[in-house]
């Protein structure tokens, strides 16, 4: 038997966390490194271990390009939506706006 008000006492986690970071390029390993706050080689390892999906399709190569509007899912790290590739910095790095599902 479930008491009334039981579900309302649970913490409600829904929505997004805004992320903004720079990456050396729009390659998958560089973007995933920024999303997951890991190194580029660690993100390449995640891809090699078949733990990364872009738009519900397993990512095969770390050299694949990530586009605005893509949904990136990394097992054990989270699910992200790439909102915008905003342009470049003075040093030529790409500014990326993303959201993380909470």
C-alpha atoms as a PDB file:
ATOM      1  CA  UNK A   1       0.000   0.000   0.000  1.00  0.00           C
ATOM      2  CA  UNK A   2       1.390   3.392  -0.988  1.00  0.00           C
ATOM      3  CA  UNK A   3       0.737   6.263   1.347  1.00  0.00           C
ATOM      4  CA  UNK A   4      -0.568   9.466  -0.127  1.00  0.00           C
ATOM      5  CA  UNK A   5       2.115  12.109  -0.318  1.00  0.00           C
ATOM      6  CA  UNK A   6       4.883   9.494  -0.501  1.00  0.00           C
ATOM      7  CA  UNK A   7       5.945  10.435  -4.031  1.00  0.00           C
ATOM      8  CA  UNK A   8       5.870  14.147  -3.287  1.00  0.00           C
ATOM      9  CA  UNK A   9       8.531  13.691  -0.592  1.00  0.00           C
ATOM     10  CA  UNK A  10      11.014  12.244  -3.119  1.00  0.00           C
ATOM     11  CA  UNK A  11      13.483  14.684  -4.662  1.00  0.00           C
ATOM     12  CA  UNK A  12      12.419  15.707  -8.141  1.00  0.00           C
ATOM     13  CA  UNK A  13      15.274  15.637 -10.640  1.00  0.00           C
ATOM     14  CA  UNK A  14      14.321  16.679 -14.087  1.00  0.00           C
ATOM     15  CA  UNK A  15      15.531  19.084 -16.655  1.00  0.00           C
ATOM     16  CA  UNK A  16      18.921  20.031 -17.965  1.00  0.00           C
ATOM     17  CA  UNK A  17      22.266  21.334 -16.804  1.00  0.00           C
ATOM     18  CA  UNK A  18      23.735  23.950 -19.148  1.00  0.00           C
ATOM     19  CA  UNK A  19      27.297  23.319 -20.355  1.00  0.00           C
ATOM     20  CA  UNK A  20      29.600  25.616 -22.314  1.00  0.00           C
ATOM     21  CA  UNK A  21      33.145  24.589 -23.187  1.00  0.00           C
ATOM     22  CA  UNK A  22      35.754  24.809 -25.916  1.00  0.00           C
ATOM     23  CA  UNK A  23      37.176  21.963 -27.959  1.00  0.00           C
ATOM     24  CA  UNK A  24      40.080  21.790 -30.390  1.00  0.00           C
ATOM     25  CA  UNK A  25      37.778  20.561 -33.174  1.00  0.00           C
ATOM     26  CA  UNK A  26      34.343  19.096 -33.834  1.00  0.00           C
ATOM     27  CA  UNK A  27      35.744  15.557 -33.808  1.00  0.00           C
ATOM     28  CA  UNK A  28      33.855  13.149 -31.558  1.00  0.00           C
ATOM     29  CA  UNK A  29      36.770  12.473 -29.199  1.00  0.00           C
ATOM     30  CA  UNK A  30      37.337  16.197 -28.594  1.00  0.00           C
ATOM     31  CA  UNK A  31      33.647  16.967 -28.014  1.00  0.00           C
ATOM     32  CA  UNK A  32      33.126  13.964 -25.712  1.00  0.00           C
ATOM     33  CA  UNK A  33      36.221  14.971 -23.733  1.00  0.00           C
ATOM     34  CA  UNK A  34      34.606  18.359 -23.110  1.00  0.00           C
ATOM     35  CA  UNK A  35      31.194  16.907 -22.278  1.00  0.00           C
ATOM     36  CA  UNK A  36      32.507  14.306 -19.828  1.00  0.00           C
ATOM     37  CA  UNK A  37      35.388  16.444 -18.478  1.00  0.00           C
ATOM     38  CA  UNK A  38      37.962  13.796 -19.396  1.00  0.00           C
ATOM     39  CA  UNK A  39      41.030  13.729 -21.605  1.00  0.00           C
ATOM     40  CA  UNK A  40      40.808  13.241 -25.345  1.00  0.00           C
ATOM     41  CA  UNK A  41      42.540   9.848 -25.096  1.00  0.00           C
ATOM     42  CA  UNK A  42      40.070   8.717 -22.402  1.00  0.00           C
ATOM     43  CA  UNK A  43      37.159   9.700 -24.640  1.00  0.00           C
ATOM     44  CA  UNK A  44      38.762   7.790 -27.538  1.00  0.00           C
ATOM     45  CA  UNK A  45      38.917   4.751 -25.229  1.00  0.00           C
ATOM     46  CA  UNK A  46      35.207   5.123 -24.424  1.00  0.00           C
ATOM     47  CA  UNK A  47      34.504   5.066 -28.166  1.00  0.00           C
ATOM     48  CA  UNK A  48      36.737   2.010 -28.652  1.00  0.00           C
ATOM     49  CA  UNK A  49      34.893   0.182 -25.841  1.00  0.00           C
ATOM     50  CA  UNK A  50      31.533   0.812 -27.619  1.00  0.00           C
ATOM     51  CA  UNK A  51      30.211   3.082 -24.864  1.00  0.00           C
ATOM     52  CA  UNK A  52      29.319   6.139 -26.975  1.00  0.00           C
ATOM     53  CA  UNK A  53      26.139   6.636 -29.016  1.00  0.00           C
ATOM     54  CA  UNK A  54      25.238   9.601 -31.222  1.00  0.00           C
ATOM     55  CA  UNK A  55      21.561   9.886 -32.153  1.00  0.00           C
ATOM     56  CA  UNK A  56      21.001   6.299 -30.874  1.00  0.00           C
ATOM     57  CA  UNK A  57      23.689   4.843 -33.167  1.00  0.00           C
ATOM     58  CA  UNK A  58      26.940   3.450 -31.786  1.00  0.00           C
ATOM     59  CA  UNK A  59      29.894   5.667 -32.641  1.00  0.00           C
ATOM     60  CA  UNK A  60      32.545   3.661 -34.485  1.00  0.00           C
ATOM     61  CA  UNK A  61      35.394   6.155 -34.965  1.00  0.00           C
ATOM     62  CA  UNK A  62      36.782   8.973 -32.809  1.00  0.00           C
ATOM     63  CA  UNK A  63      37.288  11.016 -35.988  1.00  0.00           C
ATOM     64  CA  UNK A  64      33.543  11.315 -36.676  1.00  0.00           C
ATOM     65  CA  UNK A  65      32.166  14.867 -36.680  1.00  0.00           C
ATOM     66  CA  UNK A  66      29.568  15.943 -34.115  1.00  0.00           C
ATOM     67  CA  UNK A  67      26.903  18.365 -35.363  1.00  0.00           C
ATOM     68  CA  UNK A  68      24.605  20.795 -33.578  1.00  0.00           C
ATOM     69  CA  UNK A  69      21.364  19.106 -32.549  1.00  0.00           C
ATOM     70  CA  UNK A  70      22.989  15.711 -31.977  1.00  0.00           C
ATOM     71  CA  UNK A  71      22.102  13.673 -28.902  1.00  0.00           C
ATOM     72  CA  UNK A  72      25.234  12.112 -27.415  1.00  0.00           C
ATOM     73  CA  UNK A  73      24.931   9.318 -24.865  1.00  0.00           C
ATOM     74  CA  UNK A  74      27.980   8.016 -22.979  1.00  0.00           C
ATOM     75  CA  UNK A  75      27.445   4.979 -20.755  1.00  0.00           C
ATOM     76  CA  UNK A  76      28.335   5.784 -17.180  1.00  0.00           C
ATOM     77  CA  UNK A  77      28.710   9.524 -17.892  1.00  0.00           C
ATOM     78  CA  UNK A  78      25.318  10.774 -19.061  1.00  0.00           C
ATOM     79  CA  UNK A  79      23.218  11.922 -21.967  1.00  0.00           C
ATOM     80  CA  UNK A  80      23.849  15.249 -23.673  1.00  0.00           C
ATOM     81  CA  UNK A  81      22.315  17.448 -26.376  1.00  0.00           C
ATOM     82  CA  UNK A  82      24.692  19.537 -28.480  1.00  0.00           C
ATOM     83  CA  UNK A  83      22.821  22.812 -28.896  1.00  0.00           C
ATOM     84  CA  UNK A  84      25.176  25.036 -30.845  1.00  0.00           C
ATOM     85  CA  UNK A  85      28.668  25.257 -32.243  1.00  0.00           C
ATOM     86  CA  UNK A  86      29.012  28.974 -31.522  1.00  0.00           C
ATOM     87  CA  UNK A  87      32.143  29.820 -33.455  1.00  0.00           C
ATOM     88  CA  UNK A  88      35.819  29.947 -32.681  1.00  0.00           C
ATOM     89  CA  UNK A  89      38.041  31.603 -30.125  1.00  0.00           C
ATOM     90  CA  UNK A  90      41.124  33.664 -30.942  1.00  0.00           C
ATOM     91  CA  UNK A  91      43.187  30.473 -30.718  1.00  0.00           C
ATOM     92  CA  UNK A  92      40.903  28.630 -33.150  1.00  0.00           C
ATOM     93  CA  UNK A  93      39.085  26.421 -30.635  1.00  0.00           C
ATOM     94  CA  UNK A  94      35.366  25.750 -31.168  1.00  0.00           C
ATOM     95  CA  UNK A  95      32.912  27.062 -28.550  1.00  0.00           C
ATOM     96  CA  UNK A  96      30.222  24.470 -27.840  1.00  0.00           C
ATOM     97  CA  UNK A  97      26.914  24.991 -26.047  1.00  0.00           C
ATOM     98  CA  UNK A  98      25.349  21.780 -24.708  1.00  0.00           C
ATOM     99  CA  UNK A  99      22.810  20.488 -22.204  1.00  0.00           C
ATOM    100  CA  UNK A 100      23.166  17.488 -19.922  1.00  0.00           C
ATOM    101  CA  UNK A 101      20.052  15.550 -18.985  1.00  0.00           C
ATOM    102  CA  UNK A 102      19.542  15.447 -15.208  1.00  0.00           C
END
